[in-house]
């Protein structure tokens, strides 16, 4: 199946969008920032169609299916591991802080008990 070529007017309209990196005759290339933001929104439950509409992309120009196909491809290629590692690190830091504060509380209780003995 042959891809439809964009008109010069469509290419210019797409090129002026800040989430578009560049526009070829038949392809649109998006910024990495947009790809990552789109993936985050998609993982939170927003539809591919709505993500592209919110970004100012005219779905009549790129096609409804391309929004879904792009997100599907980005999801396959995404490095989800760093996102998971970041969540893991934050969770681990929180657990470490809780453990530290609990130990500090126990220490302070013992210190207070010792001070009571010597009064």
Protein backbone atom coordinates (compact mmCIF):
# COMPACT_ATOMS: atom_id res chain seq x y z
CA UNK A 1 0.00 0.00 0.00
CA UNK A 2 1.38 3.35 -1.07
CA UNK A 3 1.50 6.11 1.54
CA UNK A 4 -0.29 9.35 0.82
CA UNK A 5 2.04 12.31 0.35
CA UNK A 6 1.46 15.48 2.31
CA UNK A 7 0.69 18.65 0.42
CA UNK A 8 3.04 21.59 0.85
CA UNK A 9 0.39 23.33 2.97
CA UNK A 10 0.02 20.26 5.23
CA UNK A 11 3.78 19.95 5.59
CA UNK A 12 4.07 23.59 6.59
CA UNK A 13 1.20 23.30 9.08
CA UNK A 14 2.80 20.22 10.67
CA UNK A 15 6.28 21.79 10.69
CA UNK A 16 4.97 24.76 12.67
CA UNK A 17 3.82 22.51 15.51
CA UNK A 18 6.36 22.49 18.39
CA UNK A 19 5.97 18.73 18.95
CA UNK A 20 7.02 17.99 15.36
CA UNK A 21 10.74 17.54 14.77
CA UNK A 22 10.50 17.36 10.98
CA UNK A 23 8.15 16.45 8.16
CA UNK A 24 9.01 14.35 5.14
CA UNK A 25 6.91 13.82 2.05
CA UNK A 26 5.03 10.94 3.67
CA UNK A 27 6.24 10.87 7.28
CA UNK A 28 6.09 13.03 10.38
CA UNK A 29 8.91 12.86 12.93
CA UNK A 30 8.10 13.95 16.46
CA UNK A 31 10.34 15.35 19.19
CA UNK A 32 11.60 12.97 21.88
CA UNK A 33 9.93 15.12 24.52
CA UNK A 34 6.56 14.66 22.83
CA UNK A 35 7.08 10.92 22.46
CA UNK A 36 7.87 10.55 26.16
CA UNK A 37 4.99 12.79 27.23
CA UNK A 38 2.61 10.94 24.92
CA UNK A 39 3.69 7.60 26.37
CA UNK A 40 3.17 8.84 29.93
CA UNK A 41 -0.30 10.12 29.09
CA UNK A 42 -1.15 6.91 27.26
CA UNK A 43 -0.05 4.82 30.24
CA UNK A 44 -2.33 6.98 32.41
CA UNK A 45 -5.28 6.03 30.20
CA UNK A 46 -5.56 8.83 27.66
CA UNK A 47 -6.38 7.70 24.11
CA UNK A 48 -3.83 8.06 21.33
CA UNK A 49 -6.31 10.13 19.38
CA UNK A 50 -6.80 12.58 22.28
CA UNK A 51 -3.05 12.88 22.91
CA UNK A 52 -2.44 13.96 19.31
CA UNK A 53 -5.44 16.31 19.29
CA UNK A 54 -4.25 17.94 22.55
CA UNK A 55 -0.81 18.39 20.97
CA UNK A 56 -2.39 20.28 18.09
CA UNK A 57 -1.87 17.58 15.47
CA UNK A 58 -4.60 17.51 12.83
CA UNK A 59 -5.70 13.89 12.58
CA UNK A 60 -7.34 14.60 9.23
CA UNK A 61 -3.84 15.29 7.93
CA UNK A 62 -1.88 12.43 9.51
CA UNK A 63 -4.76 9.97 9.79
CA UNK A 64 -6.44 8.53 12.88
CA UNK A 65 -4.66 5.21 12.52
CA UNK A 66 -1.25 6.86 12.49
CA UNK A 67 -1.77 8.26 15.98
CA UNK A 68 -2.42 4.74 17.28
CA UNK A 69 0.37 3.19 15.20
CA UNK A 70 2.89 5.81 16.33
CA UNK A 71 2.11 5.27 20.00
CA UNK A 72 2.22 1.51 19.54
CA UNK A 73 5.64 1.76 17.91
CA UNK A 74 6.96 4.17 20.54
CA UNK A 75 5.75 1.86 23.27
CA UNK A 76 7.66 -1.03 21.72
CA UNK A 77 10.80 1.05 21.41
CA UNK A 78 10.45 2.89 24.70
CA UNK A 79 12.94 2.35 27.41
CA UNK A 80 10.41 1.69 30.13
CA UNK A 81 13.16 0.25 32.33
CA UNK A 82 14.55 3.71 33.27
CA UNK A 83 11.05 4.81 34.30
CA UNK A 84 10.65 1.70 36.42
CA UNK A 85 14.14 2.16 37.87
CA UNK A 86 13.31 5.74 38.79
CA UNK A 87 10.13 4.59 40.56
CA UNK A 88 12.08 1.81 42.27
CA UNK A 89 14.75 4.27 43.46
CA UNK A 90 12.14 6.67 44.81
CA UNK A 91 10.32 3.86 46.59
CA UNK A 92 13.59 2.48 47.98
CA UNK A 93 14.60 5.95 49.18
CA UNK A 94 11.24 6.31 50.93
CA UNK A 95 11.61 2.91 52.64
CA UNK A 96 15.18 3.76 53.66
CA UNK A 97 14.03 7.08 55.11
CA UNK A 98 11.22 5.35 57.04
CA UNK A 99 13.67 2.80 58.44
CA UNK A 100 16.09 5.57 59.42
CA UNK A 101 13.34 7.60 61.14
CA UNK A 102 12.06 4.53 62.99
CA UNK A 103 15.58 3.75 64.21
CA UNK A 104 16.03 7.37 65.23
CA UNK A 105 12.75 7.27 67.18
CA UNK A 106 13.85 4.09 68.99
CA UNK A 107 17.18 5.70 69.84
CA UNK A 108 15.48 8.82 71.18
CA UNK A 109 13.10 6.71 73.31
CA UNK A 110 16.07 4.88 74.84
CA UNK A 111 17.93 8.13 75.39
CA UNK A 112 14.89 9.64 77.08
CA UNK A 113 14.55 6.54 79.31
CA UNK A 114 18.22 6.84 80.34
CA UNK A 115 17.77 10.52 81.14
CA UNK A 116 14.74 9.63 83.30
CA UNK A 117 16.87 7.11 85.25
CA UNK A 118 19.53 9.68 86.07
CA UNK A 119 17.14 12.40 87.26
